[in-house]
Amino acid sequence: MELLLPHLTHLVMATVRPTEAESMPTVTGREAAVLRHVALGLTNRQIGRDLGISEATVRKHLEHSYQKLGVSSRAGAMTVLTRRTNTA
């Protein structure tokens, strides 16, 4: 699975319409990119490697996203985002 993950990530990201994530006015483009990776089940290390940023930066983007979305966890963020895309 570890060997397939880099290839699967790009395939899944290609199927996600950017307008779905960008329609979230409360988060920045980079925060939305991090959240899309979280939705794929990637770790902070994997997200950082894929986006070319450090794990600390990933954590900071998540921290800001959680605050903006009014949640305190990855699961909470995914719940809010799922509701937004299902109502859009």
PDB file of N, CA and C in Angstrom:
ATOM      1  N   MET A   1       0.828  -1.196   0.000  1.00  0.00           N
ATOM      2  CA  MET A   1       0.000   0.000   0.000  1.00  0.00           C
ATOM      3  C   MET A   1       0.870   1.257   0.000  1.00  0.00           C
ATOM      4  N   GLU A   2       1.945   1.219   0.764  1.00  0.00           N
ATOM      5  CA  GLU A   2       2.837   2.384   0.816  1.00  0.00           C
ATOM      6  C   GLU A   2       3.392   2.712  -0.569  1.00  0.00           C
ATOM      7  N   LEU A   3       3.651   1.689  -1.365  1.00  0.00           N
ATOM      8  CA  LEU A   3       4.189   1.918  -2.702  1.00  0.00           C
ATOM      9  C   LEU A   3       3.149   2.501  -3.649  1.00  0.00           C
ATOM     10  N   LEU A   4       1.890   2.148  -3.435  1.00  0.00           N
ATOM     11  CA  LEU A   4       0.820   2.641  -4.300  1.00  0.00           C
ATOM     12  C   LEU A   4       0.340   4.040  -3.922  1.00  0.00           C
ATOM     13  N   LEU A   5       0.492   4.403  -2.661  1.00  0.00           N
ATOM     14  CA  LEU A   5      -0.077   5.651  -2.155  1.00  0.00           C
ATOM     15  C   LEU A   5       0.289   6.885  -2.977  1.00  0.00           C
ATOM     16  N   PRO A   6       1.562   7.084  -3.346  1.00  0.00           N
ATOM     17  CA  PRO A   6       1.866   8.287  -4.142  1.00  0.00           C
ATOM     18  C   PRO A   6       1.105   8.333  -5.464  1.00  0.00           C
ATOM     19  N   HIS A   7       0.890   7.187  -6.075  1.00  0.00           N
ATOM     20  CA  HIS A   7       0.181   7.138  -7.349  1.00  0.00           C
ATOM     21  C   HIS A   7      -1.315   7.334  -7.156  1.00  0.00           C
ATOM     22  N   LEU A   8      -1.856   6.753  -6.098  1.00  0.00           N
ATOM     23  CA  LEU A   8      -3.285   6.885  -5.825  1.00  0.00           C
ATOM     24  C   LEU A   8      -3.644   8.309  -5.447  1.00  0.00           C
ATOM     25  N   THR A   9      -2.774   8.965  -4.706  1.00  0.00           N
ATOM     26  CA  THR A   9      -3.029  10.340  -4.290  1.00  0.00           C
ATOM     27  C   THR A   9      -3.270  11.226  -5.498  1.00  0.00           C
ATOM     28  N   HIS A  10      -2.412  11.124  -6.490  1.00  0.00           N
ATOM     29  CA  HIS A  10      -2.549  11.976  -7.671  1.00  0.00           C
ATOM     30  C   HIS A  10      -3.806  11.628  -8.468  1.00  0.00           C
ATOM     31  N   LEU A  11      -4.158  10.356  -8.509  1.00  0.00           N
ATOM     32  CA  LEU A  11      -5.377   9.953  -9.215  1.00  0.00           C
ATOM     33  C   LEU A  11      -6.622  10.497  -8.522  1.00  0.00           C
ATOM     34  N   VAL A  12      -6.653  10.371  -7.206  1.00  0.00           N
ATOM     35  CA  VAL A  12      -7.815  10.881  -6.463  1.00  0.00           C
ATOM     36  C   VAL A  12      -7.892  12.392  -6.579  1.00  0.00           C
ATOM     37  N   MET A  13      -6.763  13.066  -6.451  1.00  0.00           N
ATOM     38  CA  MET A  13      -6.751  14.525  -6.547  1.00  0.00           C
ATOM     39  C   MET A  13      -7.214  14.979  -7.927  1.00  0.00           C
ATOM     40  N   ALA A  14      -6.934  14.209  -8.950  1.00  0.00           N
ATOM     41  CA  ALA A  14      -7.349  14.571 -10.302  1.00  0.00           C
ATOM     42  C   ALA A  14      -8.852  14.451 -10.479  1.00  0.00           C
ATOM     43  N   THR A  15      -9.491  13.609  -9.676  1.00  0.00           N
ATOM     44  CA  THR A  15     -10.937  13.428  -9.801  1.00  0.00           C
ATOM     45  C   THR A  15     -11.725  14.434  -8.976  1.00  0.00           C
ATOM     46  N   VAL A  16     -11.079  15.109  -8.034  1.00  0.00           N
ATOM     47  CA  VAL A  16     -11.766  16.097  -7.202  1.00  0.00           C
ATOM     48  C   VAL A  16     -11.804  17.413  -7.955  1.00  0.00           C
ATOM     49  N   ARG A  17     -12.999  17.912  -8.176  1.00  0.00           N
ATOM     50  CA  ARG A  17     -13.116  19.197  -8.864  1.00  0.00           C
ATOM     51  C   ARG A  17     -12.619  20.298  -7.939  1.00  0.00           C
ATOM     52  N   PRO A  18     -11.684  21.130  -8.384  1.00  0.00           N
ATOM     53  CA  PRO A  18     -11.145  22.186  -7.535  1.00  0.00           C
ATOM     54  C   PRO A  18     -12.220  23.118  -6.997  1.00  0.00           C
ATOM     55  N   THR A  19     -13.294  23.326  -7.732  1.00  0.00           N
ATOM     56  CA  THR A  19     -14.314  24.257  -7.277  1.00  0.00           C
ATOM     57  C   THR A  19     -14.995  23.770  -5.998  1.00  0.00           C
ATOM     58  N   GLU A  20     -15.028  22.449  -5.767  1.00  0.00           N
ATOM     59  CA  GLU A  20     -15.627  21.937  -4.534  1.00  0.00           C
ATOM     60  C   GLU A  20     -14.853  22.432  -3.327  1.00  0.00           C
ATOM     61  N   ALA A  21     -13.536  22.321  -3.369  1.00  0.00           N
ATOM     62  CA  ALA A  21     -12.721  22.741  -2.241  1.00  0.00           C
ATOM     63  C   ALA A  21     -12.600  24.259  -2.190  1.00  0.00           C
ATOM     64  N   GLU A  22     -12.492  24.887  -3.350  1.00  0.00           N
ATOM     65  CA  GLU A  22     -12.324  26.332  -3.364  1.00  0.00           C
ATOM     66  C   GLU A  22     -13.614  27.057  -2.984  1.00  0.00           C
ATOM     67  N   SER A  23     -14.743  26.360  -2.985  1.00  0.00           N
ATOM     68  CA  SER A  23     -15.991  27.024  -2.626  1.00  0.00           C
ATOM     69  C   SER A  23     -16.122  27.232  -1.122  1.00  0.00           C
ATOM     70  N   MET A  24     -15.101  26.832  -0.364  1.00  0.00           N
ATOM     71  CA  MET A  24     -15.092  27.050   1.069  1.00  0.00           C
ATOM     72  C   MET A  24     -14.465  28.415   1.347  1.00  0.00           C
ATOM     73  N   PRO A  25     -15.273  29.456   1.524  1.00  0.00           N
ATOM     74  CA  PRO A  25     -14.708  30.792   1.660  1.00  0.00           C
ATOM     75  C   PRO A  25     -13.935  31.006   2.954  1.00  0.00           C
ATOM     76  N   THR A  26     -14.112  30.131   3.933  1.00  0.00           N
ATOM     77  CA  THR A  26     -13.478  30.364   5.222  1.00  0.00           C
ATOM     78  C   THR A  26     -12.043  29.884   5.304  1.00  0.00           C
ATOM     79  N   VAL A  27     -11.588  29.092   4.363  1.00  0.00           N
ATOM     80  CA  VAL A  27     -10.209  28.608   4.408  1.00  0.00           C
ATOM     81  C   VAL A  27      -9.447  29.093   3.182  1.00  0.00           C
ATOM     82  N   THR A  28      -8.128  29.217   3.349  1.00  0.00           N
ATOM     83  CA  THR A  28      -7.286  29.652   2.230  1.00  0.00           C
ATOM     84  C   THR A  28      -7.104  28.505   1.241  1.00  0.00           C
ATOM     85  N   GLY A  29      -6.539  28.812   0.111  1.00  0.00           N
ATOM     86  CA  GLY A  29      -6.276  27.788  -0.896  1.00  0.00           C
ATOM     87  C   GLY A  29      -5.352  26.698  -0.379  1.00  0.00           C
ATOM     88  N   ARG A  30      -4.327  27.078   0.360  1.00  0.00           N
ATOM     89  CA  ARG A  30      -3.382  26.095   0.897  1.00  0.00           C
ATOM     90  C   ARG A  30      -4.046  25.243   1.970  1.00  0.00           C
ATOM     91  N   GLU A  31      -4.863  25.876   2.814  1.00  0.00           N
ATOM     92  CA  GLU A  31      -5.597  25.110   3.832  1.00  0.00           C
ATOM     93  C   GLU A  31      -6.539  24.116   3.166  1.00  0.00           C
ATOM     94  N   ALA A  32      -7.191  24.536   2.082  1.00  0.00           N
ATOM     95  CA  ALA A  32      -8.084  23.636   1.344  1.00  0.00           C
ATOM     96  C   ALA A  32      -7.303  22.464   0.760  1.00  0.00           C
ATOM     97  N   ALA A  33      -6.099  22.733   0.253  1.00  0.00           N
ATOM     98  CA  ALA A  33      -5.266  21.658  -0.300  1.00  0.00           C
ATOM     99  C   ALA A  33      -4.893  20.657   0.787  1.00  0.00           C
ATOM    100  N   VAL A  34      -4.538  21.162   1.958  1.00  0.00           N
ATOM    101  CA  VAL A  34      -4.205  20.276   3.083  1.00  0.00           C
ATOM    102  C   VAL A  34      -5.430  19.454   3.476  1.00  0.00           C
ATOM    103  N   LEU A  35      -6.591  20.085   3.527  1.00  0.00           N
ATOM    104  CA  LEU A  35      -7.810  19.368   3.895  1.00  0.00           C
ATOM    105  C   LEU A  35      -8.182  18.306   2.859  1.00  0.00           C
ATOM    106  N   ARG A  36      -7.937  18.577   1.591  1.00  0.00           N
ATOM    107  CA  ARG A  36      -8.187  17.555   0.562  1.00  0.00           C
ATOM    108  C   ARG A  36      -7.303  16.340   0.790  1.00  0.00           C
ATOM    109  N   HIS A  37      -6.067  16.582   1.198  1.00  0.00           N
ATOM    110  CA  HIS A  37      -5.156  15.475   1.486  1.00  0.00           C
ATOM    111  C   HIS A  37      -5.598  14.721   2.746  1.00  0.00           C
ATOM    112  N   VAL A  38      -6.086  15.450   3.730  1.00  0.00           N
ATOM    113  CA  VAL A  38      -6.606  14.806   4.942  1.00  0.00           C
ATOM    114  C   VAL A  38      -7.764  13.886   4.567  1.00  0.00           C
ATOM    115  N   ALA A  39      -8.604  14.339   3.657  1.00  0.00           N
ATOM    116  CA  ALA A  39      -9.748  13.537   3.218  1.00  0.00           C
ATOM    117  C   ALA A  39      -9.301  12.226   2.576  1.00  0.00           C
ATOM    118  N   LEU A  40      -8.093  12.207   2.051  1.00  0.00           N
ATOM    119  CA  LEU A  40      -7.545  10.984   1.461  1.00  0.00           C
ATOM    120  C   LEU A  40      -6.973  10.045   2.521  1.00  0.00           C
ATOM    121  N   GLY A  41      -6.930  10.517   3.762  1.00  0.00           N
ATOM    122  CA  GLY A  41      -6.416   9.697   4.853  1.00  0.00           C
ATOM    123  C   GLY A  41      -4.909   9.761   5.021  1.00  0.00           C
ATOM    124  N   LEU A  42      -4.287  10.792   4.461  1.00  0.00           N
ATOM    125  CA  LEU A  42      -2.833  10.912   4.550  1.00  0.00           C
ATOM    126  C   LEU A  42      -2.404  11.474   5.898  1.00  0.00           C
ATOM    127  N   THR A  43      -1.203  11.095   6.331  1.00  0.00           N
ATOM    128  CA  THR A  43      -0.630  11.630   7.555  1.00  0.00           C
ATOM    129  C   THR A  43      -0.053  13.017   7.282  1.00  0.00           C
ATOM    130  N   ASN A  44       0.265  13.747   8.349  1.00  0.00           N
ATOM    131  CA  ASN A  44       0.881  15.065   8.184  1.00  0.00           C
ATOM    132  C   ASN A  44       2.190  14.955   7.414  1.00  0.00           C
ATOM    133  N   ARG A  45       2.959  13.902   7.687  1.00  0.00           N
ATOM    134  CA  ARG A  45       4.229  13.704   6.990  1.00  0.00           C
ATOM    135  C   ARG A  45       3.990  13.509   5.488  1.00  0.00           C
ATOM    136  N   GLN A  46       3.012  12.681   5.148  1.00  0.00           N
ATOM    137  CA  GLN A  46       2.707  12.422   3.738  1.00  0.00           C
ATOM    138  C   GLN A  46       2.189  13.676   3.050  1.00  0.00           C
ATOM    139  N   ILE A  47       1.347  14.435   3.752  1.00  0.00           N
ATOM    140  CA  ILE A  47       0.819  15.683   3.193  1.00  0.00           C
ATOM    141  C   ILE A  47       1.960  16.657   2.932  1.00  0.00           C
ATOM    142  N   GLY A  48       2.825  16.811   3.912  1.00  0.00           N
ATOM    143  CA  GLY A  48       3.961  17.716   3.765  1.00  0.00           C
ATOM    144  C   GLY A  48       4.853  17.337   2.602  1.00  0.00           C
ATOM    145  N   ARG A  49       5.117  16.055   2.476  1.00  0.00           N
ATOM    146  CA  ARG A  49       5.960  15.576   1.385  1.00  0.00           C
ATOM    147  C   ARG A  49       5.296  15.860   0.040  1.00  0.00           C
ATOM    148  N   ASP A  50       3.981  15.608  -0.040  1.00  0.00           N
ATOM    149  CA  ASP A  50       3.266  15.804  -1.303  1.00  0.00           C
ATOM    150  C   ASP A  50       3.174  17.277  -1.693  1.00  0.00           C
ATOM    151  N   LEU A  51       2.993  18.153  -0.703  1.00  0.00           N
ATOM    152  CA  LEU A  51       2.848  19.584  -0.978  1.00  0.00           C
ATOM    153  C   LEU A  51       4.165  20.350  -0.912  1.00  0.00           C
ATOM    154  N   GLY A  52       5.228  19.683  -0.493  1.00  0.00           N
ATOM    155  CA  GLY A  52       6.532  20.342  -0.413  1.00  0.00           C
ATOM    156  C   GLY A  52       6.636  21.305   0.751  1.00  0.00           C
ATOM    157  N   ILE A  53       5.970  20.976   1.861  1.00  0.00           N
ATOM    158  CA  ILE A  53       6.028  21.810   3.068  1.00  0.00           C
ATOM    159  C   ILE A  53       6.376  20.921   4.263  1.00  0.00           C
ATOM    160  N   SER A  54       6.754  21.533   5.373  1.00  0.00           N
ATOM    161  CA  SER A  54       7.134  20.756   6.550  1.00  0.00           C
ATOM    162  C   SER A  54       5.895  20.250   7.296  1.00  0.00           C
ATOM    163  N   GLU A  55       6.123  19.245   8.147  1.00  0.00           N
ATOM    164  CA  GLU A  55       5.030  18.731   8.976  1.00  0.00           C
ATOM    165  C   GLU A  55       4.490  19.824   9.892  1.00  0.00           C
ATOM    166  N   ALA A  56       5.377  20.675  10.385  1.00  0.00           N
ATOM    167  CA  ALA A  56       4.952  21.770  11.263  1.00  0.00           C
ATOM    168  C   ALA A  56       4.023  22.726  10.525  1.00  0.00           C
ATOM    169  N   THR A  57       4.314  22.984   9.265  1.00  0.00           N
ATOM    170  CA  THR A  57       3.460  23.859   8.460  1.00  0.00           C
ATOM    171  C   THR A  57       2.115  23.200   8.217  1.00  0.00           C
ATOM    172  N   VAL A  58       2.111  21.898   7.969  1.00  0.00           N
ATOM    173  CA  VAL A  58       0.855  21.167   7.805  1.00  0.00           C
ATOM    174  C   VAL A  58       0.026  21.295   9.078  1.00  0.00           C
ATOM    175  N   ARG A  59       0.664  21.083  10.232  1.00  0.00           N
ATOM    176  CA  ARG A  59      -0.054  21.202  11.516  1.00  0.00           C
ATOM    177  C   ARG A  59      -0.641  22.601  11.690  1.00  0.00           C
ATOM    178  N   LYS A  60       0.123  23.624  11.314  1.00  0.00           N
ATOM    179  CA  LYS A  60      -0.348  25.003  11.459  1.00  0.00           C
ATOM    180  C   LYS A  60      -1.540  25.262  10.544  1.00  0.00           C
ATOM    181  N   HIS A  61      -1.481  24.768   9.297  1.00  0.00           N
ATOM    182  CA  HIS A  61      -2.613  24.924   8.380  1.00  0.00           C
ATOM    183  C   HIS A  61      -3.848  24.219   8.939  1.00  0.00           C
ATOM    184  N   LEU A  62      -3.645  23.032   9.497  1.00  0.00           N
ATOM    185  CA  LEU A  62      -4.773  22.306  10.088  1.00  0.00           C
ATOM    186  C   LEU A  62      -5.334  23.052  11.293  1.00  0.00           C
ATOM    187  N   GLU A  63      -4.449  23.568  12.118  1.00  0.00           N
ATOM    188  CA  GLU A  63      -4.877  24.331  13.302  1.00  0.00           C
ATOM    189  C   GLU A  63      -5.746  25.519  12.887  1.00  0.00           C
ATOM    190  N   HIS A  64      -5.298  26.256  11.874  1.00  0.00           N
ATOM    191  CA  HIS A  64      -6.070  27.407  11.393  1.00  0.00           C
ATOM    192  C   HIS A  64      -7.398  26.962  10.768  1.00  0.00           C
ATOM    193  N   SER A  65      -7.365  25.865  10.025  1.00  0.00           N
ATOM    194  CA  SER A  65      -8.583  25.345   9.403  1.00  0.00           C
ATOM    195  C   SER A  65      -9.595  24.926  10.457  1.00  0.00           C
ATOM    196  N   TYR A  66      -9.117  24.217  11.479  1.00  0.00           N
ATOM    197  CA  TYR A  66     -10.015  23.773  12.548  1.00  0.00           C
ATOM    198  C   TYR A  66     -10.689  24.970  13.209  1.00  0.00           C
ATOM    199  N   GLN A  67      -9.901  26.003  13.467  1.00  0.00           N
ATOM    200  CA  GLN A  67     -10.433  27.206  14.103  1.00  0.00           C
ATOM    201  C   GLN A  67     -11.500  27.855  13.217  1.00  0.00           C
ATOM    202  N   LYS A  68     -11.227  27.966  11.935  1.00  0.00           N
ATOM    203  CA  LYS A  68     -12.169  28.583  11.003  1.00  0.00           C
ATOM    204  C   LYS A  68     -13.437  27.753  10.832  1.00  0.00           C
ATOM    205  N   LEU A  69     -13.294  26.417  10.865  1.00  0.00           N
ATOM    206  CA  LEU A  69     -14.441  25.531  10.686  1.00  0.00           C
ATOM    207  C   LEU A  69     -15.191  25.272  11.989  1.00  0.00           C
ATOM    208  N   GLY A  70     -14.589  25.693  13.112  1.00  0.00           N
ATOM    209  CA  GLY A  70     -15.230  25.490  14.407  1.00  0.00           C
ATOM    210  C   GLY A  70     -15.176  24.048  14.890  1.00  0.00           C
ATOM    211  N   VAL A  71     -14.069  23.371  14.579  1.00  0.00           N
ATOM    212  CA  VAL A  71     -13.895  21.973  14.993  1.00  0.00           C
ATOM    213  C   VAL A  71     -12.566  21.825  15.718  1.00  0.00           C
ATOM    214  N   SER A  72     -12.329  20.615  16.257  1.00  0.00           N
ATOM    215  CA  SER A  72     -11.073  20.401  16.977  1.00  0.00           C
ATOM    216  C   SER A  72     -10.328  19.149  16.515  1.00  0.00           C
ATOM    217  N   SER A  73     -10.768  18.558  15.398  1.00  0.00           N
ATOM    218  CA  SER A  73     -10.104  17.335  14.936  1.00  0.00           C
ATOM    219  C   SER A  73     -10.265  17.156  13.427  1.00  0.00           C
ATOM    220  N   ARG A  74      -9.490  16.216  12.900  1.00  0.00           N
ATOM    221  CA  ARG A  74      -9.592  15.862  11.487  1.00  0.00           C
ATOM    222  C   ARG A  74     -10.996  15.370  11.164  1.00  0.00           C
ATOM    223  N   ALA A  75     -11.511  14.509  12.045  1.00  0.00           N
ATOM    224  CA  ALA A  75     -12.847  13.946  11.822  1.00  0.00           C
ATOM    225  C   ALA A  75     -13.898  15.054  11.797  1.00  0.00           C
ATOM    226  N   GLY A  76     -13.774  16.006  12.698  1.00  0.00           N
ATOM    227  CA  GLY A  76     -14.717  17.123  12.730  1.00  0.00           C
ATOM    228  C   GLY A  76     -14.650  17.954  11.461  1.00  0.00           C
ATOM    229  N   ALA A  77     -13.441  18.193  10.983  1.00  0.00           N
ATOM    230  CA  ALA A  77     -13.270  18.955   9.746  1.00  0.00           C
ATOM    231  C   ALA A  77     -13.893  18.224   8.569  1.00  0.00           C
ATOM    232  N   MET A  78     -13.678  16.917   8.508  1.00  0.00           N
ATOM    233  CA  MET A  78     -14.237  16.133   7.400  1.00  0.00           C
ATOM    234  C   MET A  78     -15.766  16.115   7.467  1.00  0.00           C
ATOM    235  N   THR A  79     -16.324  16.093   8.660  1.00  0.00           N
ATOM    236  CA  THR A  79     -17.785  16.135   8.815  1.00  0.00           C
ATOM    237  C   THR A  79     -18.339  17.445   8.279  1.00  0.00           C
ATOM    238  N   VAL A  80     -17.721  18.560   8.658  1.00  0.00           N
ATOM    239  CA  VAL A  80     -18.167  19.875   8.187  1.00  0.00           C
ATOM    240  C   VAL A  80     -18.044  19.967   6.676  1.00  0.00           C
ATOM    241  N   LEU A  81     -16.934  19.527   6.142  1.00  0.00           N
ATOM    242  CA  LEU A  81     -16.699  19.626   4.704  1.00  0.00           C
ATOM    243  C   LEU A  81     -17.645  18.710   3.928  1.00  0.00           C
ATOM    244  N   THR A  82     -17.934  17.548   4.467  1.00  0.00           N
ATOM    245  CA  THR A  82     -18.869  16.632   3.813  1.00  0.00           C
ATOM    246  C   THR A  82     -20.256  17.258   3.757  1.00  0.00           C
ATOM    247  N   ARG A  83     -20.653  17.871   4.836  1.00  0.00           N
ATOM    248  CA  ARG A  83     -21.959  18.546   4.865  1.00  0.00           C
ATOM    249  C   ARG A  83     -22.007  19.684   3.854  1.00  0.00           C
ATOM    250  N   ARG A  84     -20.917  20.426   3.757  1.00  0.00           N
ATOM    251  CA  ARG A  84     -20.884  21.554   2.804  1.00  0.00           C
ATOM    252  C   ARG A  84     -20.983  21.073   1.371  1.00  0.00           C
ATOM    253  N   THR A  85     -20.261  20.011   1.033  1.00  0.00           N
ATOM    254  CA  THR A  85     -20.288  19.543  -0.351  1.00  0.00           C
ATOM    255  C   THR A  85     -21.583  18.835  -0.662  1.00  0.00           C
ATOM    256  N   ASN A  86     -22.241  18.231   0.323  1.00  0.00           N
ATOM    257  CA  ASN A  86     -23.514  17.562   0.083  1.00  0.00           C
ATOM    258  C   ASN A  86     -24.666  18.559  -0.061  1.00  0.00           C
ATOM    259  N   THR A  87     -24.498  19.743   0.522  1.00  0.00           N
ATOM    260  CA  THR A  87     -25.555  20.754   0.414  1.00  0.00           C
ATOM    261  C   THR A  87     -25.313  21.705  -0.755  1.00  0.00           C
ATOM    262  N   ALA A  88     -24.122  21.618  -1.351  1.00  0.00           N
ATOM    263  CA  ALA A  88     -23.797  22.524  -2.471  1.00  0.00           C
ATOM    264  C   ALA A  88     -24.356  22.006  -3.769  1.00  0.00           C
TER     265      ALA A  88
END
